[in-house]
Amino acid sequence: MERRAFLRGAGIVSVLVAGGGVWRAWDQRVFSVGQGPAYELWKDWRSASEGPLGLVRAAILAASPHNTQPWLFKVASSSIELYVATARNTGALDPYLREQHIGLGCALET
């Protein structure tokens, strides 16, 4: 009888964990492609903001190594300064900072 109770409990726990995963995916809108909080920036960057801020909105969507987005922007009325975000360094994954500089180039090019 102990084995049945264990299997029943394991089954219940499995159903609860799977149900929680499905609920989380539904809550984050995984099943609705192209919608949800992750896509808001993609809809927003072409908005009415012209000038330097519009360029920065496009640049933050650039490809970055390991998705770290290692850049900081300082926006003025007539210029944009691009800085390295040293806190987002990947450490041993990029010891020569090559990928970090490639990411900065992607943001600059975009």
PDB file of N, CA and C in Angstrom:
ATOM      1  N   MET A   1       0.811  -1.197   0.000  1.00  0.00           N
ATOM      2  CA  MET A   1       0.000   0.000   0.000  1.00  0.00           C
ATOM      3  C   MET A   1       0.858   1.266   0.000  1.00  0.00           C
ATOM      4  N   GLU A   2       2.050   1.214   0.571  1.00  0.00           N
ATOM      5  CA  GLU A   2       2.912   2.386   0.588  1.00  0.00           C
ATOM      6  C   GLU A   2       3.330   2.797  -0.810  1.00  0.00           C
ATOM      7  N   ARG A   3       3.581   1.835  -1.644  1.00  0.00           N
ATOM      8  CA  ARG A   3       4.009   2.135  -3.005  1.00  0.00           C
ATOM      9  C   ARG A   3       2.911   2.873  -3.768  1.00  0.00           C
ATOM     10  N   ARG A   4       1.672   2.458  -3.600  1.00  0.00           N
ATOM     11  CA  ARG A   4       0.559   3.146  -4.266  1.00  0.00           C
ATOM     12  C   ARG A   4       0.417   4.578  -3.774  1.00  0.00           C
ATOM     13  N   ALA A   5       0.564   4.768  -2.501  1.00  0.00           N
ATOM     14  CA  ALA A   5       0.465   6.121  -1.948  1.00  0.00           C
ATOM     15  C   ALA A   5       1.587   7.008  -2.491  1.00  0.00           C
ATOM     16  N   PHE A   6       2.780   6.442  -2.587  1.00  0.00           N
ATOM     17  CA  PHE A   6       3.906   7.204  -3.142  1.00  0.00           C
ATOM     18  C   PHE A   6       3.646   7.576  -4.600  1.00  0.00           C
ATOM     19  N   LEU A   7       3.205   6.600  -5.396  1.00  0.00           N
ATOM     20  CA  LEU A   7       2.938   6.861  -6.808  1.00  0.00           C
ATOM     21  C   LEU A   7       1.808   7.871  -6.985  1.00  0.00           C
ATOM     22  N   ARG A   8       0.785   7.774  -6.150  1.00  0.00           N
ATOM     23  CA  ARG A   8      -0.315   8.733  -6.216  1.00  0.00           C
ATOM     24  C   ARG A   8       0.193  10.141  -5.884  1.00  0.00           C
ATOM     25  N   GLY A   9       0.992  10.247  -4.835  1.00  0.00           N
ATOM     26  CA  GLY A   9       1.558  11.550  -4.458  1.00  0.00           C
ATOM     27  C   GLY A   9       2.474  12.111  -5.534  1.00  0.00           C
ATOM     28  N   ALA A  10       3.307  11.238  -6.128  1.00  0.00           N
ATOM     29  CA  ALA A  10       4.201  11.683  -7.198  1.00  0.00           C
ATOM     30  C   ALA A  10       3.400  12.150  -8.407  1.00  0.00           C
ATOM     31  N   GLY A  11       2.310  11.471  -8.711  1.00  0.00           N
ATOM     32  CA  GLY A  11       1.457  11.874  -9.826  1.00  0.00           C
ATOM     33  C   GLY A  11       0.814  13.225  -9.575  1.00  0.00           C
ATOM     34  N   ILE A  12       0.336  13.436  -8.362  1.00  0.00           N
ATOM     35  CA  ILE A  12      -0.291  14.717  -8.019  1.00  0.00           C
ATOM     36  C   ILE A  12       0.722  15.851  -8.112  1.00  0.00           C
ATOM     37  N   VAL A  13       1.916  15.619  -7.585  1.00  0.00           N
ATOM     38  CA  VAL A  13       2.962  16.644  -7.652  1.00  0.00           C
ATOM     39  C   VAL A  13       3.332  16.937  -9.106  1.00  0.00           C
ATOM     40  N   SER A  14       3.426  15.896  -9.930  1.00  0.00           N
ATOM     41  CA  SER A  14       3.761  16.088 -11.347  1.00  0.00           C
ATOM     42  C   SER A  14       2.706  16.922 -12.060  1.00  0.00           C
ATOM     43  N   VAL A  15       1.437  16.640 -11.791  1.00  0.00           N
ATOM     44  CA  VAL A  15       0.353  17.402 -12.413  1.00  0.00           C
ATOM     45  C   VAL A  15       0.392  18.859 -11.954  1.00  0.00           C
ATOM     46  N   LEU A  16       0.654  19.095 -10.675  1.00  0.00           N
ATOM     47  CA  LEU A  16       0.724  20.466 -10.170  1.00  0.00           C
ATOM     48  C   LEU A  16       1.893  21.237 -10.780  1.00  0.00           C
ATOM     49  N   VAL A  17       3.050  20.588 -10.887  1.00  0.00           N
ATOM     50  CA  VAL A  17       4.215  21.257 -11.472  1.00  0.00           C
ATOM     51  C   VAL A  17       3.972  21.560 -12.947  1.00  0.00           C
ATOM     52  N   ALA A  18       3.444  20.601 -13.687  1.00  0.00           N
ATOM     53  CA  ALA A  18       3.161  20.826 -15.107  1.00  0.00           C
ATOM     54  C   ALA A  18       2.102  21.912 -15.279  1.00  0.00           C
ATOM     55  N   GLY A  19       1.076  21.884 -14.450  1.00  0.00           N
ATOM     56  CA  GLY A  19       0.036  22.908 -14.519  1.00  0.00           C
ATOM     57  C   GLY A  19       0.584  24.288 -14.200  1.00  0.00           C
ATOM     58  N   GLY A  20       1.482  24.356 -13.212  1.00  0.00           N
ATOM     59  CA  GLY A  20       2.113  25.636 -12.887  1.00  0.00           C
ATOM     60  C   GLY A  20       2.950  26.164 -14.039  1.00  0.00           C
ATOM     61  N   GLY A  21       3.651  25.267 -14.721  1.00  0.00           N
ATOM     62  CA  GLY A  21       4.448  25.679 -15.880  1.00  0.00           C
ATOM     63  C   GLY A  21       3.585  26.194 -17.014  1.00  0.00           C
ATOM     64  N   VAL A  22       2.477  25.519 -17.263  1.00  0.00           N
ATOM     65  CA  VAL A  22       1.559  25.965 -18.321  1.00  0.00           C
ATOM     66  C   VAL A  22       0.930  27.297 -17.948  1.00  0.00           C
ATOM     67  N   TRP A  23       0.543  27.457 -16.681  1.00  0.00           N
ATOM     68  CA  TRP A  23      -0.033  28.727 -16.250  1.00  0.00           C
ATOM     69  C   TRP A  23       0.975  29.855 -16.404  1.00  0.00           C
ATOM     70  N   ARG A  24       2.229  29.610 -16.018  1.00  0.00           N
ATOM     71  CA  ARG A  24       3.276  30.637 -16.140  1.00  0.00           C
ATOM     72  C   ARG A  24       3.482  31.019 -17.608  1.00  0.00           C
ATOM     73  N   ALA A  25       3.517  30.030 -18.481  1.00  0.00           N
ATOM     74  CA  ALA A  25       3.682  30.299 -19.912  1.00  0.00           C
ATOM     75  C   ALA A  25       2.498  31.104 -20.445  1.00  0.00           C
ATOM     76  N   TRP A  26       1.301  30.771 -20.018  1.00  0.00           N
ATOM     77  CA  TRP A  26       0.121  31.510 -20.455  1.00  0.00           C
ATOM     78  C   TRP A  26       0.155  32.936 -19.906  1.00  0.00           C
ATOM     79  N   ASP A  27       0.565  33.099 -18.646  1.00  0.00           N
ATOM     80  CA  ASP A  27       0.633  34.409 -18.016  1.00  0.00           C
ATOM     81  C   ASP A  27       1.647  35.317 -18.713  1.00  0.00           C
ATOM     82  N   GLN A  28       2.744  34.756 -19.201  1.00  0.00           N
ATOM     83  CA  GLN A  28       3.767  35.525 -19.907  1.00  0.00           C
ATOM     84  C   GLN A  28       3.474  35.651 -21.400  1.00  0.00           C
ATOM     85  N   ARG A  29       2.343  35.169 -21.834  1.00  0.00           N
ATOM     86  CA  ARG A  29       1.867  35.240 -23.218  1.00  0.00           C
ATOM     87  C   ARG A  29       2.813  34.548 -24.205  1.00  0.00           C
ATOM     88  N   VAL A  30       3.308  33.388 -23.788  1.00  0.00           N
ATOM     89  CA  VAL A  30       4.187  32.602 -24.646  1.00  0.00           C
ATOM     90  C   VAL A  30       3.426  32.080 -25.852  1.00  0.00           C
ATOM     91  N   PHE A  31       2.157  31.783 -25.668  1.00  0.00           N
ATOM     92  CA  PHE A  31       1.369  31.177 -26.733  1.00  0.00           C
ATOM     93  C   PHE A  31       0.816  32.189 -27.728  1.00  0.00           C
ATOM     94  N   SER A  32       0.886  33.479 -27.418  1.00  0.00           N
ATOM     95  CA  SER A  32       0.430  34.514 -28.356  1.00  0.00           C
ATOM     96  C   SER A  32       1.666  35.153 -28.982  1.00  0.00           C
ATOM     97  N   VAL A  33       2.006  34.699 -30.157  1.00  0.00           N
ATOM     98  CA  VAL A  33       3.237  35.107 -30.827  1.00  0.00           C
ATOM     99  C   VAL A  33       3.173  36.581 -31.221  1.00  0.00           C
ATOM    100  N   GLY A  34       4.239  37.301 -30.938  1.00  0.00           N
ATOM    101  CA  GLY A  34       4.331  38.705 -31.322  1.00  0.00           C
ATOM    102  C   GLY A  34       3.595  39.657 -30.412  1.00  0.00           C
ATOM    103  N   GLN A  35       3.151  39.191 -29.264  1.00  0.00           N
ATOM    104  CA  GLN A  35       2.432  40.041 -28.322  1.00  0.00           C
ATOM    105  C   GLN A  35       3.016  39.846 -26.935  1.00  0.00           C
ATOM    106  N   GLY A  36       2.775  40.790 -26.058  1.00  0.00           N
ATOM    107  CA  GLY A  36       3.235  40.674 -24.690  1.00  0.00           C
ATOM    108  C   GLY A  36       4.315  41.690 -24.360  1.00  0.00           C
ATOM    109  N   PRO A  37       4.774  41.688 -23.110  1.00  0.00           N
ATOM    110  CA  PRO A  37       5.719  42.713 -22.657  1.00  0.00           C
ATOM    111  C   PRO A  37       7.066  42.673 -23.375  1.00  0.00           C
ATOM    112  N   ALA A  38       7.491  41.516 -23.831  1.00  0.00           N
ATOM    113  CA  ALA A  38       8.787  41.424 -24.507  1.00  0.00           C
ATOM    114  C   ALA A  38       8.776  42.111 -25.862  1.00  0.00           C
ATOM    115  N   TYR A  39       7.617  42.304 -26.449  1.00  0.00           N
ATOM    116  CA  TYR A  39       7.517  42.877 -27.787  1.00  0.00           C
ATOM    117  C   TYR A  39       7.159  44.361 -27.788  1.00  0.00           C
ATOM    118  N   GLU A  40       6.946  44.947 -26.623  1.00  0.00           N
ATOM    119  CA  GLU A  40       6.526  46.349 -26.571  1.00  0.00           C
ATOM    120  C   GLU A  40       7.567  47.284 -27.179  1.00  0.00           C
ATOM    121  N   LEU A  41       8.852  47.024 -26.929  1.00  0.00           N
ATOM    122  CA  LEU A  41       9.889  47.896 -27.482  1.00  0.00           C
ATOM    123  C   LEU A  41       9.924  47.847 -29.000  1.00  0.00           C
ATOM    124  N   TRP A  42       9.614  46.689 -29.556  1.00  0.00           N
ATOM    125  CA  TRP A  42       9.625  46.566 -31.012  1.00  0.00           C
ATOM    126  C   TRP A  42       8.518  47.399 -31.647  1.00  0.00           C
ATOM    127  N   LYS A  43       7.415  47.586 -30.946  1.00  0.00           N
ATOM    128  CA  LYS A  43       6.321  48.401 -31.474  1.00  0.00           C
ATOM    129  C   LYS A  43       6.567  49.883 -31.213  1.00  0.00           C
ATOM    130  N   ASP A  44       7.351  50.174 -30.177  1.00  0.00           N
ATOM    131  CA  ASP A  44       7.502  51.530 -29.674  1.00  0.00           C
ATOM    132  C   ASP A  44       8.608  52.335 -30.348  1.00  0.00           C
ATOM    133  N   TRP A  45       9.619  51.684 -30.897  1.00  0.00           N
ATOM    134  CA  TRP A  45      10.801  52.428 -31.326  1.00  0.00           C
ATOM    135  C   TRP A  45      10.547  53.334 -32.519  1.00  0.00           C
ATOM    136  N   ARG A  46       9.518  53.074 -33.295  1.00  0.00           N
ATOM    137  CA  ARG A  46       9.210  53.938 -34.438  1.00  0.00           C
ATOM    138  C   ARG A  46       8.161  54.992 -34.096  1.00  0.00           C
ATOM    139  N   SER A  47       7.949  55.228 -32.839  1.00  0.00           N
ATOM    140  CA  SER A  47       6.922  56.192 -32.436  1.00  0.00           C
ATOM    141  C   SER A  47       7.349  57.613 -32.813  1.00  0.00           C
ATOM    142  N   ALA A  48       6.595  58.554 -32.370  1.00  0.00           N
ATOM    143  CA  ALA A  48       6.774  59.941 -32.799  1.00  0.00           C
ATOM    144  C   ALA A  48       8.080  60.579 -32.338  1.00  0.00           C
ATOM    145  N   SER A  49       8.824  59.939 -31.454  1.00  0.00           N
ATOM    146  CA  SER A  49      10.042  60.584 -30.959  1.00  0.00           C
ATOM    147  C   SER A  49      11.108  60.619 -32.049  1.00  0.00           C
ATOM    148  N   GLU A  50      11.423  61.795 -32.491  1.00  0.00           N
ATOM    149  CA  GLU A  50      12.443  62.003 -33.522  1.00  0.00           C
ATOM    150  C   GLU A  50      13.748  62.389 -32.838  1.00  0.00           C
ATOM    151  N   GLY A  51      14.786  62.494 -33.609  1.00  0.00           N
ATOM    152  CA  GLY A  51      16.060  62.965 -33.090  1.00  0.00           C
ATOM    153  C   GLY A  51      16.826  61.893 -32.342  1.00  0.00           C
ATOM    154  N   PRO A  52      17.681  62.321 -31.429  1.00  0.00           N
ATOM    155  CA  PRO A  52      18.567  61.377 -30.741  1.00  0.00           C
ATOM    156  C   PRO A  52      17.837  60.287 -29.958  1.00  0.00           C
ATOM    157  N   LEU A  53      16.754  60.617 -29.311  1.00  0.00           N
ATOM    158  CA  LEU A  53      16.051  59.608 -28.521  1.00  0.00           C
ATOM    159  C   LEU A  53      15.458  58.518 -29.406  1.00  0.00           C
ATOM    160  N   GLY A  54      14.993  58.876 -30.571  1.00  0.00           N
ATOM    161  CA  GLY A  54      14.496  57.874 -31.513  1.00  0.00           C
ATOM    162  C   GLY A  54      15.586  56.924 -31.964  1.00  0.00           C
ATOM    163  N   LEU A  55      16.791  57.447 -32.150  1.00  0.00           N
ATOM    164  CA  LEU A  55      17.924  56.599 -32.528  1.00  0.00           C
ATOM    165  C   LEU A  55      18.296  55.638 -31.408  1.00  0.00           C
ATOM    166  N   VAL A  56      18.244  56.111 -30.174  1.00  0.00           N
ATOM    167  CA  VAL A  56      18.566  55.247 -29.031  1.00  0.00           C
ATOM    168  C   VAL A  56      17.515  54.158 -28.879  1.00  0.00           C
ATOM    169  N   ARG A  57      16.261  54.492 -29.109  1.00  0.00           N
ATOM    170  CA  ARG A  57      15.209  53.470 -29.040  1.00  0.00           C
ATOM    171  C   ARG A  57      15.456  52.352 -30.039  1.00  0.00           C
ATOM    172  N   ALA A  58      15.968  52.689 -31.203  1.00  0.00           N
ATOM    173  CA  ALA A  58      16.299  51.660 -32.191  1.00  0.00           C
ATOM    174  C   ALA A  58      17.555  50.901 -31.788  1.00  0.00           C
ATOM    175  N   ALA A  59      18.534  51.592 -31.230  1.00  0.00           N
ATOM    176  CA  ALA A  59      19.816  50.965 -30.896  1.00  0.00           C
ATOM    177  C   ALA A  59      19.696  49.957 -29.761  1.00  0.00           C
ATOM    178  N   ILE A  60      18.778  50.148 -28.837  1.00  0.00           N
ATOM    179  CA  ILE A  60      18.674  49.194 -27.731  1.00  0.00           C
ATOM    180  C   ILE A  60      18.130  47.847 -28.189  1.00  0.00           C
ATOM    181  N   LEU A  61      17.602  47.788 -29.397  1.00  0.00           N
ATOM    182  CA  LEU A  61      17.112  46.523 -29.934  1.00  0.00           C
ATOM    183  C   LEU A  61      18.181  45.768 -30.715  1.00  0.00           C
ATOM    184  N   ALA A  62      19.402  46.287 -30.744  1.00  0.00           N
ATOM    185  CA  ALA A  62      20.480  45.664 -31.517  1.00  0.00           C
ATOM    186  C   ALA A  62      20.875  44.325 -30.913  1.00  0.00           C
ATOM    187  N   ALA A  63      21.473  43.501 -31.755  1.00  0.00           N
ATOM    188  CA  ALA A  63      22.001  42.218 -31.280  1.00  0.00           C
ATOM    189  C   ALA A  63      23.141  42.478 -30.306  1.00  0.00           C
ATOM    190  N   SER A  64      23.244  41.630 -29.293  1.00  0.00           N
ATOM    191  CA  SER A  64      24.335  41.778 -28.338  1.00  0.00           C
ATOM    192  C   SER A  64      24.837  40.402 -27.923  1.00  0.00           C
ATOM    193  N   PRO A  65      26.129  40.300 -27.601  1.00  0.00           N
ATOM    194  CA  PRO A  65      26.689  39.004 -27.228  1.00  0.00           C
ATOM    195  C   PRO A  65      26.073  38.489 -25.933  1.00  0.00           C
ATOM    196  N   HIS A  66      25.632  37.271 -25.966  1.00  0.00           N
ATOM    197  CA  HIS A  66      25.027  36.609 -24.802  1.00  0.00           C
ATOM    198  C   HIS A  66      23.846  37.404 -24.252  1.00  0.00           C
ATOM    199  N   ASN A  67      23.260  38.256 -25.069  1.00  0.00           N
ATOM    200  CA  ASN A  67      22.108  39.085 -24.707  1.00  0.00           C
ATOM    201  C   ASN A  67      22.377  39.941 -23.469  1.00  0.00           C
ATOM    202  N   THR A  68      23.605  40.456 -23.353  1.00  0.00           N
ATOM    203  CA  THR A  68      23.966  41.264 -22.190  1.00  0.00           C
ATOM    204  C   THR A  68      23.685  42.746 -22.371  1.00  0.00           C
ATOM    205  N   GLN A  69      23.542  43.204 -23.598  1.00  0.00           N
ATOM    206  CA  GLN A  69      23.361  44.620 -23.921  1.00  0.00           C
ATOM    207  C   GLN A  69      24.370  45.481 -23.157  1.00  0.00           C
ATOM    208  N   PRO A  70      25.664  45.354 -23.500  1.00  0.00           N
ATOM    209  CA  PRO A  70      26.719  46.011 -22.713  1.00  0.00           C
ATOM    210  C   PRO A  70      26.924  47.483 -23.050  1.00  0.00           C
ATOM    211  N   TRP A  71      25.859  48.233 -23.166  1.00  0.00           N
ATOM    212  CA  TRP A  71      26.009  49.634 -23.541  1.00  0.00           C
ATOM    213  C   TRP A  71      25.187  50.537 -22.647  1.00  0.00           C
ATOM    214  N   LEU A  72      25.644  51.766 -22.559  1.00  0.00           N
ATOM    215  CA  LEU A  72      24.928  52.846 -21.884  1.00  0.00           C
ATOM    216  C   LEU A  72      24.929  54.039 -22.834  1.00  0.00           C
ATOM    217  N   PHE A  73      23.850  54.760 -22.867  1.00  0.00           N
ATOM    218  CA  PHE A  73      23.737  55.924 -23.739  1.00  0.00           C
ATOM    219  C   PHE A  73      23.571  57.178 -22.892  1.00  0.00           C
ATOM    220  N   LYS A  74      24.217  58.239 -23.312  1.00  0.00           N
ATOM    221  CA  LYS A  74      23.995  59.556 -22.727  1.00  0.00           C
ATOM    222  C   LYS A  74      23.465  60.426 -23.858  1.00  0.00           C
ATOM    223  N   VAL A  75      22.215  60.829 -23.741  1.00  0.00           N
ATOM    224  CA  VAL A  75      21.536  61.547 -24.822  1.00  0.00           C
ATOM    225  C   VAL A  75      21.484  63.033 -24.497  1.00  0.00           C
ATOM    226  N   ALA A  76      21.967  63.836 -25.426  1.00  0.00           N
ATOM    227  CA  ALA A  76      21.858  65.291 -25.339  1.00  0.00           C
ATOM    228  C   ALA A  76      20.979  65.756 -26.502  1.00  0.00           C
ATOM    229  N   SER A  77      20.752  67.033 -26.580  1.00  0.00           N
ATOM    230  CA  SER A  77      19.862  67.535 -27.635  1.00  0.00           C
ATOM    231  C   SER A  77      20.455  67.366 -29.027  1.00  0.00           C
ATOM    232  N   SER A  78      21.780  67.397 -29.134  1.00  0.00           N
ATOM    233  CA  SER A  78      22.389  67.296 -30.464  1.00  0.00           C
ATOM    234  C   SER A  78      23.411  66.167 -30.584  1.00  0.00           C
ATOM    235  N   SER A  79      23.541  65.340 -29.553  1.00  0.00           N
ATOM    236  CA  SER A  79      24.538  64.262 -29.631  1.00  0.00           C
ATOM    237  C   SER A  79      24.116  63.069 -28.781  1.00  0.00           C
ATOM    238  N   ILE A  80      24.742  61.943 -29.094  1.00  0.00           N
ATOM    239  CA  ILE A  80      24.540  60.714 -28.327  1.00  0.00           C
ATOM    240  C   ILE A  80      25.918  60.162 -28.002  1.00  0.00           C
ATOM    241  N   GLU A  81      26.156  59.869 -26.732  1.00  0.00           N
ATOM    242  CA  GLU A  81      27.422  59.263 -26.331  1.00  0.00           C
ATOM    243  C   GLU A  81      27.158  57.812 -25.959  1.00  0.00           C
ATOM    244  N   LEU A  82      28.019  56.930 -26.429  1.00  0.00           N
ATOM    245  CA  LEU A  82      27.887  55.493 -26.198  1.00  0.00           C
ATOM    246  C   LEU A  82      29.003  55.050 -25.265  1.00  0.00           C
ATOM    247  N   TYR A  83      28.637  54.409 -24.149  1.00  0.00           N
ATOM    248  CA  TYR A  83      29.605  53.947 -23.162  1.00  0.00           C
ATOM    249  C   TYR A  83      29.479  52.445 -22.963  1.00  0.00           C
ATOM    250  N   VAL A  84      30.547  51.851 -22.447  1.00  0.00           N
ATOM    251  CA  VAL A  84      30.539  50.433 -22.097  1.00  0.00           C
ATOM    252  C   VAL A  84      29.948  50.287 -20.702  1.00  0.00           C
ATOM    253  N   ALA A  85      29.004  49.376 -20.544  1.00  0.00           N
ATOM    254  CA  ALA A  85      28.457  49.046 -19.227  1.00  0.00           C
ATOM    255  C   ALA A  85      29.321  47.933 -18.646  1.00  0.00           C
ATOM    256  N   THR A  86      30.323  48.298 -17.863  1.00  0.00           N
ATOM    257  CA  THR A  86      31.283  47.309 -17.360  1.00  0.00           C
ATOM    258  C   THR A  86      30.636  46.298 -16.424  1.00  0.00           C
ATOM    259  N   ALA A  87      29.534  46.643 -15.814  1.00  0.00           N
ATOM    260  CA  ALA A  87      28.853  45.696 -14.922  1.00  0.00           C
ATOM    261  C   ALA A  87      28.255  44.529 -15.695  1.00  0.00           C
ATOM    262  N   ARG A  88      28.083  44.682 -17.000  1.00  0.00           N
ATOM    263  CA  ARG A  88      27.493  43.618 -17.818  1.00  0.00           C
ATOM    264  C   ARG A  88      28.548  42.796 -18.551  1.00  0.00           C
ATOM    265  N   ASN A  89      29.778  42.877 -18.097  1.00  0.00           N
ATOM    266  CA  ASN A  89      30.860  42.095 -18.687  1.00  0.00           C
ATOM    267  C   ASN A  89      30.622  40.615 -18.407  1.00  0.00           C
ATOM    268  N   THR A  90      30.896  39.761 -19.388  1.00  0.00           N
ATOM    269  CA  THR A  90      30.660  38.324 -19.219  1.00  0.00           C
ATOM    270  C   THR A  90      31.841  37.601 -18.593  1.00  0.00           C
ATOM    271  N   GLY A  91      32.879  38.307 -18.235  1.00  0.00           N
ATOM    272  CA  GLY A  91      34.006  37.714 -17.519  1.00  0.00           C
ATOM    273  C   GLY A  91      34.790  36.723 -18.353  1.00  0.00           C
ATOM    274  N   ALA A  92      34.861  35.490 -17.880  1.00  0.00           N
ATOM    275  CA  ALA A  92      35.674  34.459 -18.532  1.00  0.00           C
ATOM    276  C   ALA A  92      35.137  34.065 -19.904  1.00  0.00           C
ATOM    277  N   LEU A  93      33.886  34.333 -20.186  1.00  0.00           N
ATOM    278  CA  LEU A  93      33.347  34.018 -21.512  1.00  0.00           C
ATOM    279  C   LEU A  93      33.904  34.940 -22.593  1.00  0.00           C
ATOM    280  N   ASP A  94      34.348  36.108 -22.196  1.00  0.00           N
ATOM    281  CA  ASP A  94      34.892  37.088 -23.140  1.00  0.00           C
ATOM    282  C   ASP A  94      36.112  37.770 -22.510  1.00  0.00           C
ATOM    283  N   PRO A  95      37.218  37.033 -22.328  1.00  0.00           N
ATOM    284  CA  PRO A  95      38.356  37.589 -21.588  1.00  0.00           C
ATOM    285  C   PRO A  95      39.028  38.771 -22.286  1.00  0.00           C
ATOM    286  N   TYR A  96      38.966  38.854 -23.598  1.00  0.00           N
ATOM    287  CA  TYR A  96      39.607  39.952 -24.329  1.00  0.00           C
ATOM    288  C   TYR A  96      38.620  41.054 -24.709  1.00  0.00           C
ATOM    289  N   LEU A  97      37.389  40.957 -24.226  1.00  0.00           N
ATOM    290  CA  LEU A  97      36.322  41.946 -24.452  1.00  0.00           C
ATOM    291  C   LEU A  97      35.987  42.129 -25.931  1.00  0.00           C
ATOM    292  N   ARG A  98      36.315  41.133 -26.730  1.00  0.00           N
ATOM    293  CA  ARG A  98      36.043  41.191 -28.166  1.00  0.00           C
ATOM    294  C   ARG A  98      34.543  41.232 -28.433  1.00  0.00           C
ATOM    295  N   GLU A  99      33.803  40.325 -27.807  1.00  0.00           N
ATOM    296  CA  GLU A  99      32.352  40.274 -28.037  1.00  0.00           C
ATOM    297  C   GLU A  99      31.659  41.519 -27.499  1.00  0.00           C
ATOM    298  N   GLN A 100      32.183  42.061 -26.417  1.00  0.00           N
ATOM    299  CA  GLN A 100      31.605  43.287 -25.876  1.00  0.00           C
ATOM    300  C   GLN A 100      31.734  44.429 -26.887  1.00  0.00           C
ATOM    301  N   HIS A 101      32.891  44.537 -27.522  1.00  0.00           N
ATOM    302  CA  HIS A 101      33.082  45.592 -28.517  1.00  0.00           C
ATOM    303  C   HIS A 101      32.248  45.341 -29.773  1.00  0.00           C
ATOM    304  N   ILE A 102      32.059  44.079 -30.122  1.00  0.00           N
ATOM    305  CA  ILE A 102      31.185  43.766 -31.256  1.00  0.00           C
ATOM    306  C   ILE A 102      29.752  44.201 -30.941  1.00  0.00           C
ATOM    307  N   GLY A 103      29.304  43.968 -29.701  1.00  0.00           N
ATOM    308  CA  GLY A 103      27.971  44.403 -29.293  1.00  0.00           C
ATOM    309  C   GLY A 103      27.819  45.912 -29.348  1.00  0.00           C
ATOM    310  N   LEU A 104      28.856  46.641 -28.934  1.00  0.00           N
ATOM    311  CA  LEU A 104      28.810  48.101 -29.029  1.00  0.00           C
ATOM    312  C   LEU A 104      28.734  48.542 -30.490  1.00  0.00           C
ATOM    313  N   GLY A 105      29.454  47.835 -31.347  1.00  0.00           N
ATOM    314  CA  GLY A 105      29.388  48.145 -32.773  1.00  0.00           C
ATOM    315  C   GLY A 105      28.008  47.898 -33.350  1.00  0.00           C
ATOM    316  N   CYS A 106      27.347  46.834 -32.890  1.00  0.00           N
ATOM    317  CA  CYS A 106      25.980  46.559 -33.358  1.00  0.00           C
ATOM    318  C   CYS A 106      25.027  47.672 -32.943  1.00  0.00           C
ATOM    319  N   ALA A 107      25.159  48.136 -31.701  1.00  0.00           N
ATOM    320  CA  ALA A 107      24.297  49.230 -31.243  1.00  0.00           C
ATOM    321  C   ALA A 107      24.584  50.504 -32.026  1.00  0.00           C
ATOM    322  N   LEU A 108      25.854  50.748 -32.307  1.00  0.00           N
ATOM    323  CA  LEU A 108      26.234  51.943 -33.053  1.00  0.00           C
ATOM    324  C   LEU A 108      25.732  51.879 -34.493  1.00  0.00           C
ATOM    325  N   GLU A 109      25.840  50.710 -35.097  1.00  0.00           N
ATOM    326  CA  GLU A 109      25.404  50.539 -36.483  1.00  0.00           C
ATOM    327  C   GLU A 109      23.884  50.652 -36.617  1.00  0.00           C
ATOM    328  N   THR A 110      23.158  50.159 -35.631  1.00  0.00           N
ATOM    329  CA  THR A 110      21.704  50.194 -35.687  1.00  0.00           C
ATOM    330  C   THR A 110      21.220  51.617 -35.555  1.00  0.00           C
TER     331      THR A 110
END
